[in-house]
Protein backbone atom coordinates (compact mmCIF):
# COMPACT_ATOMS: atom_id res chain seq x y z
CA MET A 1 -51.94 4.86 -23.22
CA VAL A 2 -51.41 1.05 -24.13
CA ASN A 3 -54.47 -1.23 -24.34
CA GLY A 4 -54.68 -4.67 -23.15
CA GLY A 5 -54.42 -3.83 -19.55
CA GLU A 6 -50.98 -2.22 -19.45
CA MET A 7 -50.00 0.93 -17.58
CA LEU A 8 -50.65 4.54 -18.69
CA TRP A 9 -48.67 7.37 -17.52
CA VAL A 10 -50.53 10.64 -17.40
CA ALA A 11 -48.08 13.62 -18.07
CA GLY A 12 -48.20 16.29 -15.64
CA VAL A 13 -50.18 14.41 -13.03
CA GLY A 14 -47.71 11.42 -12.52
CA ARG A 15 -50.34 8.91 -11.73
CA THR A 16 -50.45 5.28 -12.99
CA ARG A 17 -53.62 3.98 -13.99
CA VAL A 18 -54.69 0.50 -15.13
CA THR A 19 -57.01 0.44 -18.15
CA GLY A 20 -59.29 -2.32 -19.59
CA ALA A 21 -58.62 -5.58 -17.72
CA GLY A 22 -57.16 -3.51 -14.91
CA ARG A 23 -60.36 -1.87 -13.99
CA GLY A 24 -61.70 -2.76 -10.46
CA ARG A 25 -65.24 -3.27 -9.50
CA GLY A 26 -67.73 -0.70 -10.91
CA GLY A 27 -65.33 0.11 -13.65
CA GLN A 28 -63.14 2.26 -11.62
CA HIS A 29 -59.60 2.90 -12.18
CA LYS A 30 -57.12 1.49 -9.54
CA VAL A 31 -54.66 4.16 -8.56
CA LYS A 32 -51.29 3.28 -7.04
CA PRO A 33 -50.80 5.01 -3.67
CA ARG A 34 -48.81 7.98 -4.07
CA GLU A 35 -46.33 7.33 -1.15
CA GLY A 36 -45.43 3.91 -2.59
CA ARG A 37 -44.14 5.00 -6.00
CA PRO A 38 -40.46 4.76 -6.67
CA VAL A 39 -40.04 8.26 -8.01
CA VAL A 40 -41.68 9.85 -5.23
CA ARG A 41 -39.67 7.92 -2.66
CA LEU A 42 -36.52 8.64 -4.23
CA THR A 43 -36.97 12.21 -4.58
CA GLY A 44 -39.44 13.30 -1.81
CA GLN A 45 -37.40 11.48 0.97
CA LEU A 46 -33.96 11.90 -0.46
CA LEU A 47 -32.17 12.58 2.55
CA ASP A 48 -33.69 9.40 4.17
CA THR A 49 -32.52 7.51 1.24
CA TYR A 50 -29.04 8.81 1.62
CA LYS A 51 -29.00 7.94 5.29
CA ARG A 52 -30.09 4.39 4.99
CA ILE A 53 -27.36 4.06 2.19
CA ASN A 54 -24.75 5.51 4.66
CA ASP A 55 -25.89 3.24 7.66
CA LYS A 56 -25.64 0.05 5.37
CA TYR A 57 -22.05 1.32 4.01
CA TYR A 58 -20.67 2.02 7.43
CA ALA A 59 -22.05 -1.01 9.04
CA GLN A 60 -19.91 -2.93 6.59
CA GLN A 61 -16.84 -1.10 7.81
CA LEU A 62 -17.23 -1.94 11.39
CA PRO A 63 -14.95 -4.49 12.93
CA VAL A 64 -16.10 -8.01 12.65
CA PRO A 65 -17.21 -9.34 16.08
CA ALA A 66 -14.46 -11.76 17.71
CA ASN A 67 -17.19 -14.40 18.15
CA SER A 68 -18.26 -14.58 14.50
CA ARG A 69 -16.74 -16.96 12.15
CA LYS A 70 -14.08 -15.56 9.74
CA ARG A 71 -11.90 -17.09 6.99
CA VAL A 72 -8.36 -17.69 7.94
CA PHE A 73 -5.61 -16.78 5.47
CA ASN A 74 -2.08 -18.34 5.52
CA GLY A 75 -2.62 -19.83 8.81
CA GLY A 76 -3.96 -16.67 10.27
CA TYR A 77 -0.83 -14.74 9.37
CA ASP A 78 -2.49 -12.74 6.35
CA ASP A 79 -5.31 -10.77 5.68
CA GLU A 80 -7.83 -11.37 2.82
CA SER A 81 -5.66 -9.15 0.52
CA GLY A 82 -2.62 -11.10 1.23
CA ASN A 83 -0.86 -8.53 3.28
CA TYR A 84 1.04 -9.88 6.51
CA ILE A 85 -0.89 -8.86 9.62
CA VAL A 86 1.62 -6.63 11.84
CA ARG A 87 1.73 -7.40 15.36
CA VAL A 88 4.08 -5.48 17.55
CA GLY A 89 6.50 -7.88 19.29
CA ASP A 90 6.35 -10.35 16.50
CA VAL A 91 9.84 -11.68 15.70
CA ILE A 92 10.75 -12.07 11.98
CA ASN A 93 12.72 -14.65 10.78
CA GLY A 94 14.15 -15.06 14.36
CA ARG A 95 15.97 -11.68 14.21
CA TYR A 96 13.82 -8.51 13.53
CA GLN A 97 11.35 -7.67 16.11
CA ILE A 98 8.45 -5.49 15.00
CA ALA A 99 8.34 -2.56 17.28
CA LEU A 100 7.24 1.05 17.68
CA ARG A 101 9.57 3.93 17.07
CA GLN A 102 9.54 6.48 19.68
CA GLY A 103 6.57 8.99 19.53
CA THR A 104 4.60 6.81 17.00
CA LYS A 105 1.52 4.71 17.52
CA SER A 106 2.15 2.22 14.36
CA ALA A 107 4.93 -0.08 13.39
CA VAL A 108 3.97 0.39 9.72
CA LEU A 109 6.33 2.87 7.87
CA GLY A 110 4.44 2.76 4.63
CA LYS A 111 2.31 0.62 2.51
CA GLY A 112 1.33 0.25 -1.17
CA SER A 113 0.35 -2.40 -3.74
CA PHE A 114 3.35 -4.33 -3.13
CA GLY A 115 2.61 -4.82 0.60
CA LEU A 116 3.93 -2.88 3.46
CA VAL A 117 7.15 -1.70 5.48
CA VAL A 118 7.60 -1.95 8.98
CA TYR A 119 10.08 -0.81 11.48
CA ALA A 120 11.78 -3.56 13.43
CA LEU A 121 14.75 -3.99 15.75
CA ASP A 122 17.53 -6.15 14.82
CA MET A 123 18.17 -8.04 17.88
CA LEU A 124 21.54 -9.35 16.60
CA GLU A 125 22.71 -5.92 16.08
CA ASN A 126 20.87 -3.82 18.22
CA LEU A 127 20.11 -1.57 15.25
CA GLY A 128 16.64 -0.31 13.94
CA VAL A 129 15.90 -1.36 10.32
CA ALA A 130 13.06 -1.28 8.01
CA VAL A 131 11.48 -4.64 6.61
CA LYS A 132 9.58 -4.70 3.63
CA ILE A 133 7.09 -7.40 3.72
CA ILE A 134 5.75 -8.32 0.14
CA LYS A 135 2.05 -9.43 -0.31
CA ASN A 136 1.71 -13.26 -0.53
CA GLN A 137 0.42 -13.47 -4.05
CA LYS A 138 2.14 -15.07 -6.99
CA HIS A 139 2.83 -11.96 -9.23
CA PHE A 140 4.20 -10.07 -6.26
CA HIS A 141 6.66 -13.04 -5.52
CA GLU A 142 8.01 -12.61 -9.05
CA GLN A 143 8.34 -8.87 -8.75
CA ALA A 144 10.18 -9.28 -5.50
CA LYS A 145 12.80 -11.74 -6.99
CA MET A 146 13.45 -8.97 -9.68
CA GLU A 147 13.79 -6.42 -6.98
CA ILE A 148 16.03 -8.54 -4.97
CA ASP A 149 18.26 -9.17 -7.98
CA LEU A 150 18.66 -5.40 -8.90
CA LEU A 151 19.44 -4.54 -5.39
CA SER A 152 22.01 -7.33 -5.04
CA LYS A 153 23.61 -5.93 -8.18
CA PHE A 154 24.12 -2.36 -6.63
CA LEU A 155 25.87 -4.05 -3.67
CA THR A 156 28.87 -5.04 -5.81
CA VAL A 157 29.25 -1.89 -7.71
CA PRO A 158 32.86 -0.97 -7.33
CA LEU A 159 33.66 2.70 -6.20
CA PRO A 160 35.29 5.07 -8.72
CA CYS A 161 39.06 5.50 -8.19
CA SER A 162 38.63 9.23 -7.70
CA PRO A 163 35.62 9.96 -5.81
CA GLN A 164 34.74 13.66 -5.85
CA ALA A 165 33.82 13.82 -2.18
CA PRO A 166 34.44 11.71 1.08
CA VAL A 167 32.37 8.69 1.34
CA PRO A 168 30.33 8.68 4.64
CA ALA A 169 30.37 5.97 6.95
CA SER A 170 27.39 3.96 7.80
CA ILE A 171 26.12 2.53 11.03
CA TYR A 172 25.70 -0.67 9.26
CA ASN A 173 28.88 -1.31 8.02
CA HIS A 174 30.23 -3.59 10.66
CA GLY A 175 27.02 -5.47 11.14
CA ARG A 176 26.29 -9.00 10.03
CA TYR A 177 24.54 -8.13 6.78
CA LEU A 178 24.93 -8.69 3.23
CA PRO A 179 28.41 -7.57 2.09
CA CYS A 180 28.61 -4.54 0.04
CA THR A 181 31.13 -1.87 -1.41
CA GLN A 182 30.85 1.87 -0.62
CA TRP A 183 29.12 2.50 -3.93
CA VAL A 184 25.73 2.49 -1.90
CA GLU A 185 26.92 5.45 0.24
CA TYR A 186 28.72 7.25 -2.83
CA ALA A 187 25.65 6.96 -4.86
CA ASN A 188 22.98 7.38 -2.31
CA THR A 189 21.71 4.04 -3.23
CA VAL A 190 19.36 2.42 -0.53
CA ARG A 191 20.97 -0.46 1.07
CA MET A 192 19.53 -3.86 1.28
CA LEU A 193 21.10 -5.49 4.33
CA ASP A 194 19.21 -8.90 4.24
CA THR A 195 16.55 -10.97 2.42
CA PHE A 196 14.74 -14.00 3.00
CA THR A 197 11.12 -15.72 2.85
CA PHE A 198 9.21 -15.76 6.10
CA ARG A 199 5.62 -17.31 6.42
CA ASN A 200 5.21 -17.22 2.68
CA HIS A 201 6.37 -13.65 2.17
CA HIS A 202 9.54 -12.31 0.55
CA CYS A 203 11.14 -10.03 3.00
CA LEU A 204 13.86 -7.30 2.47
CA VAL A 205 15.64 -5.56 5.10
CA PHE A 206 16.80 -2.11 4.53
CA GLU A 207 18.85 0.76 6.25
CA LEU A 208 16.43 2.81 8.21
CA LEU A 209 16.24 6.18 6.64
CA PRO A 210 14.71 9.19 8.25
CA LEU A 211 12.36 10.64 5.64
CA SER A 212 10.48 9.24 2.79
CA LEU A 213 9.63 11.28 -0.36
CA TYR A 214 6.09 11.70 0.87
CA ASP A 215 7.21 12.91 4.14
CA MET A 216 9.29 15.52 2.55
CA LEU A 217 6.46 16.37 0.55
CA LYS A 218 4.48 17.08 3.71
CA LEU A 219 7.21 19.18 5.29
CA SER A 220 6.88 21.57 2.26
CA ASN A 221 2.94 21.68 2.41
CA PHE A 222 2.91 19.72 -0.82
CA LYS A 223 4.46 22.53 -2.92
CA GLY A 224 6.83 20.12 -4.44
CA PHE A 225 10.58 19.81 -4.44
CA SER A 226 13.24 22.53 -5.34
CA LEU A 227 14.92 22.35 -8.70
CA GLN A 228 18.29 21.75 -6.87
CA LEU A 229 16.87 18.59 -4.97
CA VAL A 230 15.42 17.12 -8.18
CA LYS A 231 18.77 17.42 -9.88
CA GLN A 232 20.67 15.74 -7.15
CA VAL A 233 18.09 12.93 -7.23
CA SER A 234 18.24 12.59 -10.99
CA ARG A 235 22.13 12.74 -10.69
CA ASN A 236 22.09 9.85 -8.24
CA ILE A 237 19.51 7.98 -10.51
CA LEU A 238 21.76 8.52 -13.57
CA GLN A 239 24.89 7.32 -11.51
CA ASN A 240 23.51 4.04 -10.69
CA LEU A 241 22.28 3.27 -14.21
CA GLN A 242 25.77 4.15 -15.49
CA ALA A 243 27.28 1.75 -12.82
CA GLN A 244 25.12 -1.13 -14.18
CA LEU A 245 25.99 -0.48 -17.70
CA LEU A 246 29.57 0.67 -17.74
CA LYS A 247 31.01 -1.11 -14.66
CA PRO A 248 33.62 1.26 -13.49
CA ARG A 249 37.07 -0.11 -12.37
CA LEU A 250 37.34 -1.47 -8.90
CA CYS A 251 39.55 0.12 -6.29
CA SER A 252 40.01 -2.61 -3.76
CA GLN A 253 40.99 -0.10 -1.14
CA PHE A 254 37.36 1.25 -1.03
CA ALA A 255 35.69 -2.32 -0.68
CA TYR A 256 34.68 -3.64 2.53
C-alpha cells in the first residue's frame, strides 16, 4: 500500500482501492468496476480482443474506394513503393505491349525488391519477351546501370574456337535487338535484347525463358535440385566469370 491517496493492489484479490484522500463519502473505499479493468478485459475477453484487432487489420487491406482521394505517384504510373503499375495492353517504349500468356491471369512473371518482370509482345518482331521494370527509386536506378553494364559485356564475349558442342540457334537471332555473339547460347547466359528508360523506369528486355528457378523448385515439390543440375549451373557461372577475366580469342566465323 502507498500512502498519500495512491493505489493499493491486493494480492490474490486483484481489486484496486484508493486510500486516504481517495476515500469517498462515509470513509468507504472506491472500488473500480471489475469489468472495466484492463487485465480483465485482455484476458477474460481475449477472443473478442483478437477479433477487434483482426477487423481493424483487414479493413486496412481493403481496396481504397474509387471516390476517395489518393496520392498520385509519378503521374499515376507508379504505386507508393515506386513499382510500375502493370496494365494489360499498355505499350512500353512504343514497342512492347504488356499481355497475358495463354492460360495465365496475370502479366507479371515475377517480382522482387528490384521491381517486377512482365510478359510482353514485341510488336516489331511478333515475339514474346520478358521486360524487367526497375523500381523508380534512386538506388535501384544505380543498380540497374551496373546490371546493364555487366550484361552488355556478355553480349560481346567471343566464342571459343573449338566449342565442345554445337551452339543452338535462337529465335531472337534475326530480330532487331542488341547485337551479340553466340557466347550467350554457348554458356547459357541470359540474353539482354534491349534496354531503355521509360516513364522514369530503367527497363531491360530479355529473351523469354520457359521456367524460373522457383518454377523448377515447385516442380520438384521443393526437394531441391539434383547434384547434376547444380554442377551444370555452376559450370555456366564459372564459364562466364572466366570469359570476363581471360577474354578468349575471337573466332569471327561464330559472330553474328
